[in-house]
Amino acid sequence: MNKRVLITGITGQDGSYLAELLLTKGCDVIGMVRRSSTVNFERIAHIQDQVKLVSGDLLDEASMIEILRTHQPHEIYNLAAQSFVQTSFRQPVLTGETTALGVTRLLDAIRLVDPEIRFYQASSSEMFGKVSEVPQTETTPFYPRSPYGVAKVYGHWITVNYRESYDLHTTSGILFNHESPRRGMEFVTRKISHAVAQIKLGQATELRLGNLDAKRDWGFAADYVDAMWRMLQQDEPKDYVICTGETHSVREFCQHAFDHVGLSWQDHVVVDETFMRPAEVDLLVGDSQQAENDLGWKPETPFADLVKLMVDADLDLLQGRLRSLA
C-alpha cells in the first residue's frame, strides 16, 4: 500500500519540492489549498496531475478534521503559514492566526481523528532572533524579533506539547533560510536574483535593498525538504536544526549575483530605509550536527552555486518572456 501524505502549503516553494520528492518515493500526495481566487499553482503545474488537491484552511479546524477523516493520511507536513517576516509587522494578528494557532488546529484534528498520523511542523531560524549563542542548535533559547518569529515559536512549542501530552509522533524542523528559483519575489534573495537578471537584460538599472549587513545561513530548498522527510521516518520524534553552518551577508549575495553576470553590484544597489525591519535579526547561523548524526543528512548545494542557480533561472524566465513577446 502506498503511503498517503498530506502537505499543507503545497503551492509554496517547500511544498512543491517536497511533493516532487514524495512522488519519487511512491507516495500518494494530497495537497491542501485554500478556497481562494488568488491561489497560484505555478510551482506545482508540472506535477499537478500526479497529486490530489483538497480544499481546507488552517483557520478552520472543521475543514482539517474533514480532510483527515476523508483522506486518512499517514503523514502530514505543515508548510502553510503567513511566511513573510515584513508582512508580519503589518498583519500581526493574521500571522498569529495562521502561523501559530493554525498549528494547534491541525494537531488537535490529528488527536481527534487518528493519533497514529506522523506530523512535521515547519519551524524557523527566525525563532532565535536576537541570538544568545553562535552557532544556534536545538537547545539555543528563542528570542524572536518579529510577529512571524513569535508565531513560529508558538507553533514549535505547541508541537512539542502535543508530542509530550498525547504521545503523538510530532517533529519540528528548525530550518534556516533556504532559497531556490521558486522563492517568492518578496524575499530578499529572489528580489536580488530577479533584479540582477533584469539589469543584465537592460530592463532595470537599480536594486533597492534594506540592511546589507544582515547575515544568514542560506541553503537550497530542495536539499532541505529531504531532511523533512527523513525526520518523519525516525522511530522516535525529535526536533532538528537544518542548515549549512555557513553565514553570508546580503552584501555577499549581491556580490556573487552581480559577478555571475559580469556586473559590479556597487553600480546598481541602493540602500533604502523603507526596507529596514522595525527590529532586525543581524546574524543567524546554525549547527546541524544532530541531523547529520541521526538522519544522515547534509546540505548538498554550496552558497555560490545556489546564487548562480537562482540568477540563471531568472535570466531564463525573463528571456522566455521576451521571446514570447517577439
C-alpha atoms as a PDB file:
ATOM      1  CA  MET A   1       0.000   0.000   0.000  1.00  0.00           C
ATOM      2  CA  ASN A   2       1.306   3.422  -0.936  1.00  0.00           C
ATOM      3  CA  LYS A   3       1.826   5.821   1.927  1.00  0.00           C
ATOM      4  CA  ARG A   4      -0.684   8.714   1.877  1.00  0.00           C
ATOM      5  CA  VAL A   5       0.870  12.067   2.682  1.00  0.00           C
ATOM      6  CA  LEU A   6      -0.845  15.421   3.230  1.00  0.00           C
ATOM      7  CA  ILE A   7       1.071  18.651   2.553  1.00  0.00           C
ATOM      8  CA  THR A   8      -0.365  21.972   3.677  1.00  0.00           C
ATOM      9  CA  GLY A   9       1.179  24.804   1.680  1.00  0.00           C
ATOM     10  CA  ILE A  10       1.819  22.550  -1.322  1.00  0.00           C
ATOM     11  CA  THR A  11       1.750  25.520  -3.724  1.00  0.00           C
ATOM     12  CA  GLY A  12       4.691  27.184  -1.932  1.00  0.00           C
ATOM     13  CA  GLN A  13       8.412  26.764  -2.535  1.00  0.00           C
ATOM     14  CA  ASP A  14       8.935  23.976   0.021  1.00  0.00           C
ATOM     15  CA  GLY A  15       5.611  22.295  -0.699  1.00  0.00           C
ATOM     16  CA  SER A  16       6.406  21.923  -4.393  1.00  0.00           C
ATOM     17  CA  TYR A  17       9.875  20.451  -3.796  1.00  0.00           C
ATOM     18  CA  LEU A  18       8.537  18.121  -1.087  1.00  0.00           C
ATOM     19  CA  ALA A  19       5.712  16.918  -3.344  1.00  0.00           C
ATOM     20  CA  GLU A  20       8.273  16.081  -6.058  1.00  0.00           C
ATOM     21  CA  LEU A  21      10.384  14.140  -3.551  1.00  0.00           C
ATOM     22  CA  LEU A  22       7.425  12.192  -2.145  1.00  0.00           C
ATOM     23  CA  LEU A  23       6.236  11.237  -5.627  1.00  0.00           C
ATOM     24  CA  THR A  24       9.654   9.720  -6.368  1.00  0.00           C
ATOM     25  CA  LYS A  25       9.208   7.628  -3.198  1.00  0.00           C
ATOM     26  CA  GLY A  26       5.895   6.250  -4.411  1.00  0.00           C
ATOM     27  CA  CYS A  27       3.684   8.208  -2.026  1.00  0.00           C
ATOM     28  CA  ASP A  28       0.120   9.286  -2.734  1.00  0.00           C
ATOM     29  CA  VAL A  29       0.398  13.054  -2.301  1.00  0.00           C
ATOM     30  CA  ILE A  30      -2.562  15.116  -1.112  1.00  0.00           C
ATOM     31  CA  GLY A  31      -2.137  18.886  -1.170  1.00  0.00           C
ATOM     32  CA  MET A  32      -4.288  21.217   0.897  1.00  0.00           C
ATOM     33  CA  VAL A  33      -5.115  24.567  -0.698  1.00  0.00           C
ATOM     34  CA  ARG A  34      -7.334  27.397   0.476  1.00  0.00           C
ATOM     35  CA  ARG A  35     -10.504  28.030  -1.462  1.00  0.00           C
ATOM     36  CA  SER A  36      -9.297  31.336  -2.884  1.00  0.00           C
ATOM     37  CA  SER A  37      -9.271  33.091  -6.220  1.00  0.00           C
ATOM     38  CA  THR A  38      -5.624  34.051  -5.683  1.00  0.00           C
ATOM     39  CA  VAL A  39      -4.092  30.574  -5.258  1.00  0.00           C
ATOM     40  CA  ASN A  40      -1.083  30.257  -7.571  1.00  0.00           C
ATOM     41  CA  PHE A  41      -0.415  26.744  -8.897  1.00  0.00           C
ATOM     42  CA  GLU A  42       2.652  27.773 -10.920  1.00  0.00           C
ATOM     43  CA  ARG A  43       5.162  25.898  -8.739  1.00  0.00           C
ATOM     44  CA  ILE A  44       3.286  22.580  -8.974  1.00  0.00           C
ATOM     45  CA  ALA A  45       1.933  22.891 -12.546  1.00  0.00           C
ATOM     46  CA  HIS A  46       4.338  20.197 -13.781  1.00  0.00           C
ATOM     47  CA  ILE A  47       3.081  17.643 -11.204  1.00  0.00           C
ATOM     48  CA  GLN A  48      -0.498  18.823 -10.704  1.00  0.00           C
ATOM     49  CA  ASP A  49      -1.934  15.770 -12.448  1.00  0.00           C
ATOM     50  CA  GLN A  50       0.013  13.495 -10.052  1.00  0.00           C
ATOM     51  CA  VAL A  51      -1.253  14.999  -6.782  1.00  0.00           C
ATOM     52  CA  LYS A  52      -4.732  15.266  -5.279  1.00  0.00           C
ATOM     53  CA  LEU A  53      -5.682  18.812  -4.252  1.00  0.00           C
ATOM     54  CA  VAL A  54      -8.224  19.281  -1.482  1.00  0.00           C
ATOM     55  CA  SER A  55      -9.781  22.429  -0.044  1.00  0.00           C
ATOM     56  CA  GLY A  56      -9.036  23.389   3.559  1.00  0.00           C
ATOM     57  CA  ASP A  57      -7.908  26.263   5.749  1.00  0.00           C
ATOM     58  CA  LEU A  58      -5.731  26.450   8.866  1.00  0.00           C
ATOM     59  CA  LEU A  59      -8.224  28.983  10.249  1.00  0.00           C
ATOM     60  CA  ASP A  60     -10.971  26.335  10.206  1.00  0.00           C
ATOM     61  CA  GLU A  61     -10.446  23.218  12.344  1.00  0.00           C
ATOM     62  CA  ALA A  62     -13.594  21.569  10.973  1.00  0.00           C
ATOM     63  CA  SER A  63     -12.044  21.540   7.495  1.00  0.00           C
ATOM     64  CA  MET A  64      -8.908  19.914   8.951  1.00  0.00           C
ATOM     65  CA  ILE A  65     -10.953  17.190  10.621  1.00  0.00           C
ATOM     66  CA  GLU A  66     -12.906  16.553   7.435  1.00  0.00           C
ATOM     67  CA  ILE A  67      -9.720  16.193   5.355  1.00  0.00           C
ATOM     68  CA  LEU A  68      -8.168  13.739   7.828  1.00  0.00           C
ATOM     69  CA  ARG A  69     -11.316  11.626   8.018  1.00  0.00           C
ATOM     70  CA  THR A  70     -11.785  11.547   4.262  1.00  0.00           C
ATOM     71  CA  HIS A  71      -8.206  11.008   3.075  1.00  0.00           C
ATOM     72  CA  GLN A  72      -6.660   9.216   6.088  1.00  0.00           C
ATOM     73  CA  PRO A  73      -3.037  10.366   5.622  1.00  0.00           C
ATOM     74  CA  HIS A  74      -0.165   8.520   7.289  1.00  0.00           C
ATOM     75  CA  GLU A  75       1.986  11.670   7.413  1.00  0.00           C
ATOM     76  CA  ILE A  76       1.271  15.412   7.450  1.00  0.00           C
ATOM     77  CA  TYR A  77       3.778  18.138   6.603  1.00  0.00           C
ATOM     78  CA  ASN A  78       2.530  21.527   7.787  1.00  0.00           C
ATOM     79  CA  LEU A  79       4.233  24.023   5.488  1.00  0.00           C
ATOM     80  CA  ALA A  80       1.353  26.510   5.277  1.00  0.00           C
ATOM     81  CA  ALA A  81       1.821  29.854   7.033  1.00  0.00           C
ATOM     82  CA  GLN A  82       1.959  33.580   6.595  1.00  0.00           C
ATOM     83  CA  SER A  83       5.671  33.224   5.942  1.00  0.00           C
ATOM     84  CA  PHE A  84       6.978  36.687   5.089  1.00  0.00           C
ATOM     85  CA  VAL A  85       8.615  38.498   8.024  1.00  0.00           C
ATOM     86  CA  GLN A  86       7.994  42.026   6.729  1.00  0.00           C
ATOM     87  CA  THR A  87       4.268  41.314   6.239  1.00  0.00           C
ATOM     88  CA  SER A  88       4.013  40.007   9.800  1.00  0.00           C
ATOM     89  CA  PHE A  89       4.693  43.512  11.152  1.00  0.00           C
ATOM     90  CA  ARG A  90       1.783  44.867   9.104  1.00  0.00           C
ATOM     91  CA  GLN A  91      -0.534  41.900   9.744  1.00  0.00           C
ATOM     92  CA  PRO A  92       0.455  40.535  13.172  1.00  0.00           C
ATOM     93  CA  VAL A  93      -2.970  39.121  14.089  1.00  0.00           C
ATOM     94  CA  LEU A  94      -3.413  37.255  10.804  1.00  0.00           C
ATOM     95  CA  THR A  95       0.138  35.929  11.177  1.00  0.00           C
ATOM     96  CA  GLY A  96      -0.726  34.642  14.656  1.00  0.00           C
ATOM     97  CA  GLU A  97      -3.967  33.031  13.492  1.00  0.00           C
ATOM     98  CA  THR A  98      -2.332  31.076  10.655  1.00  0.00           C
ATOM     99  CA  THR A  99       1.297  30.585  11.674  1.00  0.00           C
ATOM    100  CA  ALA A 100       0.616  29.898  15.380  1.00  0.00           C
ATOM    101  CA  LEU A 101      -2.980  28.856  16.069  1.00  0.00           C
ATOM    102  CA  GLY A 102      -3.242  27.077  12.718  1.00  0.00           C
ATOM    103  CA  VAL A 103      -0.717  24.542  14.034  1.00  0.00           C
ATOM    104  CA  THR A 104      -2.895  23.881  17.090  1.00  0.00           C
ATOM    105  CA  ARG A 105      -5.983  23.302  14.964  1.00  0.00           C
ATOM    106  CA  LEU A 106      -4.143  20.778  12.832  1.00  0.00           C
ATOM    107  CA  LEU A 107      -2.595  18.980  15.820  1.00  0.00           C
ATOM    108  CA  ASP A 108      -5.959  18.816  17.540  1.00  0.00           C
ATOM    109  CA  ALA A 109      -7.524  17.356  14.400  1.00  0.00           C
ATOM    110  CA  ILE A 110      -4.841  14.634  14.457  1.00  0.00           C
ATOM    111  CA  ARG A 111      -5.525  13.944  18.148  1.00  0.00           C
ATOM    112  CA  LEU A 112      -9.268  13.609  17.483  1.00  0.00           C
ATOM    113  CA  VAL A 113      -9.193  11.674  14.193  1.00  0.00           C
ATOM    114  CA  ASP A 114      -6.066   9.483  14.194  1.00  0.00           C
ATOM    115  CA  PRO A 115      -3.241   9.846  16.768  1.00  0.00           C
ATOM    116  CA  GLU A 116      -1.065   7.496  14.664  1.00  0.00           C
ATOM    117  CA  ILE A 117      -0.541  10.169  11.992  1.00  0.00           C
ATOM    118  CA  ARG A 118       3.035  11.467  11.930  1.00  0.00           C
ATOM    119  CA  PHE A 119       3.282  15.266  11.891  1.00  0.00           C
ATOM    120  CA  TYR A 120       6.007  17.626  10.677  1.00  0.00           C
ATOM    121  CA  GLN A 121       5.965  21.292  11.721  1.00  0.00           C
ATOM    122  CA  ALA A 122       7.926  23.881   9.744  1.00  0.00           C
ATOM    123  CA  SER A 123       9.766  25.792  12.457  1.00  0.00           C
ATOM    124  CA  SER A 124      12.177  28.589  11.569  1.00  0.00           C
ATOM    125  CA  SER A 125      15.555  30.040  12.455  1.00  0.00           C
ATOM    126  CA  GLU A 126      13.690  33.352  12.910  1.00  0.00           C
ATOM    127  CA  MET A 127      12.676  31.930  16.301  1.00  0.00           C
ATOM    128  CA  PHE A 128      16.251  32.506  17.505  1.00  0.00           C
ATOM    129  CA  GLY A 129      16.068  36.206  16.561  1.00  0.00           C
ATOM    130  CA  LYS A 130      18.362  38.110  18.921  1.00  0.00           C
ATOM    131  CA  VAL A 131      20.700  35.188  19.309  1.00  0.00           C
ATOM    132  CA  SER A 132      22.293  34.257  22.631  1.00  0.00           C
ATOM    133  CA  GLU A 133      24.929  31.990  21.102  1.00  0.00           C
ATOM    134  CA  VAL A 134      26.621  31.311  17.768  1.00  0.00           C
ATOM    135  CA  PRO A 135      26.036  28.925  16.122  1.00  0.00           C
ATOM    136  CA  GLN A 136      22.446  28.086  17.026  1.00  0.00           C
ATOM    137  CA  THR A 137      21.492  24.496  17.929  1.00  0.00           C
ATOM    138  CA  GLU A 138      18.375  22.634  19.085  1.00  0.00           C
ATOM    139  CA  THR A 139      18.997  23.898  22.656  1.00  0.00           C
ATOM    140  CA  THR A 140      19.620  27.588  21.872  1.00  0.00           C
ATOM    141  CA  PRO A 141      16.997  29.790  23.619  1.00  0.00           C
ATOM    142  CA  PHE A 142      14.465  31.545  21.395  1.00  0.00           C
ATOM    143  CA  TYR A 143      14.272  35.360  21.255  1.00  0.00           C
ATOM    144  CA  PRO A 144      12.093  36.174  18.224  1.00  0.00           C
ATOM    145  CA  ARG A 145      12.239  39.692  16.770  1.00  0.00           C
ATOM    146  CA  SER A 146       9.101  39.769  14.606  1.00  0.00           C
ATOM    147  CA  PRO A 147       5.447  38.721  14.858  1.00  0.00           C
ATOM    148  CA  TYR A 148       6.359  35.937  12.408  1.00  0.00           C
ATOM    149  CA  GLY A 149       9.134  34.691  14.704  1.00  0.00           C
ATOM    150  CA  VAL A 150       6.848  34.878  17.750  1.00  0.00           C
ATOM    151  CA  ALA A 151       4.128  32.907  15.921  1.00  0.00           C
ATOM    152  CA  LYS A 152       6.662  30.275  14.866  1.00  0.00           C
ATOM    153  CA  VAL A 153       7.809  29.886  18.488  1.00  0.00           C
ATOM    154  CA  TYR A 154       4.207  29.177  19.492  1.00  0.00           C
ATOM    155  CA  GLY A 155       3.828  26.665  16.650  1.00  0.00           C
ATOM    156  CA  HIS A 156       7.068  24.989  17.708  1.00  0.00           C
ATOM    157  CA  TRP A 157       6.191  24.646  21.388  1.00  0.00           C
ATOM    158  CA  ILE A 158       2.611  23.511  20.781  1.00  0.00           C
ATOM    159  CA  THR A 159       4.074  20.749  18.599  1.00  0.00           C
ATOM    160  CA  VAL A 160       6.335  19.710  21.485  1.00  0.00           C
ATOM    161  CA  ASN A 161       3.375  19.975  23.863  1.00  0.00           C
ATOM    162  CA  TYR A 162       1.160  17.645  21.822  1.00  0.00           C
ATOM    163  CA  ARG A 163       4.023  15.170  21.492  1.00  0.00           C
ATOM    164  CA  GLU A 164       4.513  15.061  25.248  1.00  0.00           C
ATOM    165  CA  SER A 165       0.846  15.360  26.268  1.00  0.00           C
ATOM    166  CA  TYR A 166      -0.738  12.923  23.813  1.00  0.00           C
ATOM    167  CA  ASP A 167       2.221  10.755  22.748  1.00  0.00           C
ATOM    168  CA  LEU A 168       1.941  11.886  19.130  1.00  0.00           C
ATOM    169  CA  HIS A 169       4.766  11.448  16.588  1.00  0.00           C
ATOM    170  CA  THR A 170       5.307  15.192  16.080  1.00  0.00           C
ATOM    171  CA  THR A 171       8.563  16.718  14.874  1.00  0.00           C
ATOM    172  CA  SER A 172       9.697  20.278  14.216  1.00  0.00           C
ATOM    173  CA  GLY A 173      12.372  21.098  11.683  1.00  0.00           C
ATOM    174  CA  ILE A 174      14.092  24.355  12.630  1.00  0.00           C
ATOM    175  CA  LEU A 175      15.074  25.296   9.106  1.00  0.00           C
ATOM    176  CA  PHE A 176      17.447  28.138   8.429  1.00  0.00           C
ATOM    177  CA  ASN A 177      16.940  30.255   5.310  1.00  0.00           C
ATOM    178  CA  HIS A 178      16.503  28.074   2.254  1.00  0.00           C
ATOM    179  CA  GLU A 179      16.131  29.509  -1.214  1.00  0.00           C
ATOM    180  CA  SER A 180      15.540  28.453  -4.803  1.00  0.00           C
ATOM    181  CA  PRO A 181      14.264  29.746  -8.152  1.00  0.00           C
ATOM    182  CA  ARG A 182      10.775  29.064  -6.707  1.00  0.00           C
ATOM    183  CA  ARG A 183      11.243  31.569  -3.879  1.00  0.00           C
ATOM    184  CA  GLY A 184       8.621  34.316  -3.748  1.00  0.00           C
ATOM    185  CA  MET A 185       9.606  37.696  -5.207  1.00  0.00           C
ATOM    186  CA  GLU A 186       9.113  39.362  -1.800  1.00  0.00           C
ATOM    187  CA  PHE A 187      12.098  37.517  -0.289  1.00  0.00           C
ATOM    188  CA  VAL A 188      15.427  39.323  -0.489  1.00  0.00           C
ATOM    189  CA  THR A 189      17.316  36.517  -2.264  1.00  0.00           C
ATOM    190  CA  ARG A 190      14.789  36.257  -5.094  1.00  0.00           C
ATOM    191  CA  LYS A 191      14.473  40.031  -5.205  1.00  0.00           C
ATOM    192  CA  ILE A 192      18.231  40.171  -5.828  1.00  0.00           C
ATOM    193  CA  SER A 193      18.417  37.359  -8.405  1.00  0.00           C
ATOM    194  CA  HIS A 194      15.445  38.710 -10.371  1.00  0.00           C
ATOM    195  CA  ALA A 195      16.755  42.294 -10.323  1.00  0.00           C
ATOM    196  CA  VAL A 196      20.209  41.150 -11.450  1.00  0.00           C
ATOM    197  CA  ALA A 197      18.615  39.353 -14.409  1.00  0.00           C
ATOM    198  CA  GLN A 198      16.541  42.446 -15.242  1.00  0.00           C
ATOM    199  CA  ILE A 199      19.585  44.723 -15.067  1.00  0.00           C
ATOM    200  CA  LYS A 200      21.666  42.337 -17.186  1.00  0.00           C
ATOM    201  CA  LEU A 201      18.916  42.312 -19.833  1.00  0.00           C
ATOM    202  CA  GLY A 202      18.549  46.096 -19.775  1.00  0.00           C
ATOM    203  CA  GLN A 203      15.099  46.023 -18.151  1.00  0.00           C
ATOM    204  CA  ALA A 204      16.179  47.851 -14.962  1.00  0.00           C
ATOM    205  CA  THR A 205      19.095  49.895 -13.662  1.00  0.00           C
ATOM    206  CA  GLU A 206      18.977  49.701  -9.861  1.00  0.00           C
ATOM    207  CA  LEU A 207      18.155  47.391  -6.957  1.00  0.00           C
ATOM    208  CA  ARG A 208      16.856  48.942  -3.726  1.00  0.00           C
ATOM    209  CA  LEU A 209      17.565  46.955  -0.535  1.00  0.00           C
ATOM    210  CA  GLY A 210      17.499  47.414   3.240  1.00  0.00           C
ATOM    211  CA  ASN A 211      20.190  46.135   5.604  1.00  0.00           C
ATOM    212  CA  LEU A 212      23.132  44.860   3.536  1.00  0.00           C
ATOM    213  CA  ASP A 213      24.949  43.716   6.681  1.00  0.00           C
ATOM    214  CA  ALA A 214      22.275  41.205   7.777  1.00  0.00           C
ATOM    215  CA  LYS A 215      23.827  37.737   7.787  1.00  0.00           C
ATOM    216  CA  ARG A 216      22.018  34.484   7.127  1.00  0.00           C
ATOM    217  CA  ASP A 217      22.705  30.773   6.788  1.00  0.00           C
ATOM    218  CA  TRP A 218      21.399  30.159   3.242  1.00  0.00           C
ATOM    219  CA  GLY A 219      20.782  26.706   1.768  1.00  0.00           C
ATOM    220  CA  PHE A 220      18.911  25.169  -1.178  1.00  0.00           C
ATOM    221  CA  ALA A 221      15.243  24.340  -0.550  1.00  0.00           C
ATOM    222  CA  ALA A 222      15.372  21.034  -2.471  1.00  0.00           C
ATOM    223  CA  ASP A 223      18.090  19.811  -0.069  1.00  0.00           C
ATOM    224  CA  TYR A 224      16.059  20.824   2.970  1.00  0.00           C
ATOM    225  CA  VAL A 225      12.815  19.020   2.094  1.00  0.00           C
ATOM    226  CA  ASP A 226      14.823  15.777   2.085  1.00  0.00           C
ATOM    227  CA  ALA A 227      15.624  16.478   5.743  1.00  0.00           C
ATOM    228  CA  MET A 228      11.893  16.955   6.483  1.00  0.00           C
ATOM    229  CA  TRP A 229      11.103  13.552   5.020  1.00  0.00           C
ATOM    230  CA  ARG A 230      13.924  11.867   6.931  1.00  0.00           C
ATOM    231  CA  MET A 231      12.611  13.278  10.232  1.00  0.00           C
ATOM    232  CA  LEU A 232       9.233  11.558   9.883  1.00  0.00           C
ATOM    233  CA  GLN A 233      10.897   8.211   9.080  1.00  0.00           C
ATOM    234  CA  GLN A 234      12.541   8.103  12.535  1.00  0.00           C
ATOM    235  CA  ASP A 235      11.176   5.739  15.192  1.00  0.00           C
ATOM    236  CA  GLU A 236      11.319   8.461  17.832  1.00  0.00           C
ATOM    237  CA  PRO A 237      10.233  12.044  17.082  1.00  0.00           C
ATOM    238  CA  LYS A 238      12.787  14.751  17.783  1.00  0.00           C
ATOM    239  CA  ASP A 239      13.351  18.355  16.689  1.00  0.00           C
ATOM    240  CA  TYR A 240      16.228  19.196  14.346  1.00  0.00           C
ATOM    241  CA  VAL A 241      18.154  22.249  13.178  1.00  0.00           C
ATOM    242  CA  ILE A 242      18.626  22.138   9.389  1.00  0.00           C
ATOM    243  CA  CYS A 243      21.253  24.497   7.961  1.00  0.00           C
ATOM    244  CA  THR A 244      24.566  24.780   6.117  1.00  0.00           C
ATOM    245  CA  GLY A 245      26.640  26.038   9.043  1.00  0.00           C
ATOM    246  CA  GLU A 246      27.920  28.949   6.922  1.00  0.00           C
ATOM    247  CA  THR A 247      26.895  32.585   7.171  1.00  0.00           C
ATOM    248  CA  HIS A 248      26.817  35.148   4.366  1.00  0.00           C
ATOM    249  CA  SER A 249      25.645  38.760   4.286  1.00  0.00           C
ATOM    250  CA  VAL A 250      23.074  40.267   1.953  1.00  0.00           C
ATOM    251  CA  ARG A 251      26.012  42.214   0.503  1.00  0.00           C
ATOM    252  CA  GLU A 252      27.808  38.949  -0.323  1.00  0.00           C
ATOM    253  CA  PHE A 253      24.693  37.589  -2.008  1.00  0.00           C
ATOM    254  CA  CYS A 254      24.584  40.729  -4.157  1.00  0.00           C
ATOM    255  CA  GLN A 255      28.267  40.478  -4.992  1.00  0.00           C
ATOM    256  CA  HIS A 256      28.004  36.834  -6.130  1.00  0.00           C
ATOM    257  CA  ALA A 257      24.840  37.521  -8.137  1.00  0.00           C
ATOM    258  CA  PHE A 258      26.197  40.546  -9.999  1.00  0.00           C
ATOM    259  CA  ASP A 259      29.635  38.940 -10.513  1.00  0.00           C
ATOM    260  CA  HIS A 260      27.917  35.973 -12.168  1.00  0.00           C
ATOM    261  CA  VAL A 261      26.613  38.211 -14.971  1.00  0.00           C
ATOM    262  CA  GLY A 262      29.767  40.341 -15.232  1.00  0.00           C
ATOM    263  CA  LEU A 263      28.449  43.418 -13.408  1.00  0.00           C
ATOM    264  CA  SER A 264      29.546  45.357 -10.316  1.00  0.00           C
ATOM    265  CA  TRP A 265      26.969  45.389  -7.507  1.00  0.00           C
ATOM    266  CA  GLN A 266      28.118  48.827  -6.288  1.00  0.00           C
ATOM    267  CA  ASP A 267      26.941  50.360  -9.574  1.00  0.00           C
ATOM    268  CA  HIS A 268      23.355  49.235  -9.068  1.00  0.00           C
ATOM    269  CA  VAL A 269      22.485  48.607  -5.391  1.00  0.00           C
ATOM    270  CA  VAL A 270      20.837  51.440  -3.444  1.00  0.00           C
ATOM    271  CA  VAL A 271      20.211  51.201   0.312  1.00  0.00           C
ATOM    272  CA  ASP A 272      16.608  52.228   1.038  1.00  0.00           C
ATOM    273  CA  GLU A 273      15.465  52.828   4.646  1.00  0.00           C
ATOM    274  CA  THR A 274      11.906  51.735   3.810  1.00  0.00           C
ATOM    275  CA  PHE A 275      13.142  48.133   3.557  1.00  0.00           C
ATOM    276  CA  MET A 276      14.618  48.123   7.076  1.00  0.00           C
ATOM    277  CA  ARG A 277      12.764  45.994   9.651  1.00  0.00           C
ATOM    278  CA  PRO A 278      11.477  47.627  12.871  1.00  0.00           C
ATOM    279  CA  ALA A 279      13.558  45.050  14.784  1.00  0.00           C
ATOM    280  CA  GLU A 280      16.383  43.468  12.825  1.00  0.00           C
ATOM    281  CA  VAL A 281      17.854  39.981  13.139  1.00  0.00           C
ATOM    282  CA  ASP A 282      21.530  40.519  12.386  1.00  0.00           C
ATOM    283  CA  LEU A 283      23.183  37.098  12.485  1.00  0.00           C
ATOM    284  CA  LEU A 284      21.756  33.625  12.028  1.00  0.00           C
ATOM    285  CA  VAL A 285      23.993  30.603  11.527  1.00  0.00           C
ATOM    286  CA  GLY A 286      23.175  27.070  12.600  1.00  0.00           C
ATOM    287  CA  ASP A 287      24.790  23.785  13.606  1.00  0.00           C
ATOM    288  CA  SER A 288      23.087  20.717  12.073  1.00  0.00           C
ATOM    289  CA  GLN A 289      25.299  18.084  13.686  1.00  0.00           C
ATOM    290  CA  GLN A 290      22.320  16.333  15.282  1.00  0.00           C
ATOM    291  CA  ALA A 291      20.613  15.981  11.888  1.00  0.00           C
ATOM    292  CA  GLU A 292      23.809  14.593  10.393  1.00  0.00           C
ATOM    293  CA  ASN A 293      24.184  12.091  13.232  1.00  0.00           C
ATOM    294  CA  ASP A 294      20.559  10.903  13.421  1.00  0.00           C
ATOM    295  CA  LEU A 295      19.257  11.418   9.883  1.00  0.00           C
ATOM    296  CA  GLY A 296      22.397  11.070   7.796  1.00  0.00           C
ATOM    297  CA  TRP A 297      21.551  14.448   6.275  1.00  0.00           C
ATOM    298  CA  LYS A 298      23.982  17.046   4.934  1.00  0.00           C
ATOM    299  CA  PRO A 299      23.413  20.064   2.665  1.00  0.00           C
ATOM    300  CA  GLU A 300      24.456  19.335  -0.914  1.00  0.00           C
ATOM    301  CA  THR A 301      24.460  22.759  -2.613  1.00  0.00           C
ATOM    302  CA  PRO A 302      27.199  25.362  -1.890  1.00  0.00           C
ATOM    303  CA  PHE A 303      26.215  29.011  -1.414  1.00  0.00           C
ATOM    304  CA  ALA A 304      27.855  30.261  -4.612  1.00  0.00           C
ATOM    305  CA  ASP A 305      26.123  27.544  -6.655  1.00  0.00           C
ATOM    306  CA  LEU A 306      22.753  28.472  -5.130  1.00  0.00           C
ATOM    307  CA  VAL A 307      23.181  32.132  -6.120  1.00  0.00           C
ATOM    308  CA  LYS A 308      24.150  31.192  -9.693  1.00  0.00           C
ATOM    309  CA  LEU A 309      21.226  28.756  -9.909  1.00  0.00           C
ATOM    310  CA  MET A 310      18.759  31.485  -8.938  1.00  0.00           C
ATOM    311  CA  VAL A 311      20.221  34.136 -11.262  1.00  0.00           C
ATOM    312  CA  ASP A 312      20.322  31.716 -14.213  1.00  0.00           C
ATOM    313  CA  ALA A 313      16.704  30.685 -13.586  1.00  0.00           C
ATOM    314  CA  ASP A 314      15.565  34.325 -13.567  1.00  0.00           C
ATOM    315  CA  LEU A 315      17.528  35.036 -16.749  1.00  0.00           C
ATOM    316  CA  ASP A 316      15.780  32.073 -18.383  1.00  0.00           C
ATOM    317  CA  LEU A 317      12.413  33.262 -17.081  1.00  0.00           C
ATOM    318  CA  LEU A 318      12.811  36.810 -18.386  1.00  0.00           C
ATOM    319  CA  GLN A 319      14.323  35.759 -21.702  1.00  0.00           C
ATOM    320  CA  GLY A 320      11.453  33.335 -22.182  1.00  0.00           C
ATOM    321  CA  ARG A 321       9.010  36.175 -21.669  1.00  0.00           C
ATOM    322  CA  LEU A 322      10.918  38.308 -24.154  1.00  0.00           C
ATOM    323  CA  ARG A 323      10.773  35.518 -26.738  1.00  0.00           C
ATOM    324  CA  SER A 324       7.032  35.077 -26.186  1.00  0.00           C
ATOM    325  CA  LEU A 325       6.528  38.801 -26.844  1.00  0.00           C
ATOM    326  CA  ALA A 326       8.648  38.749 -30.016  1.00  0.00           C
END
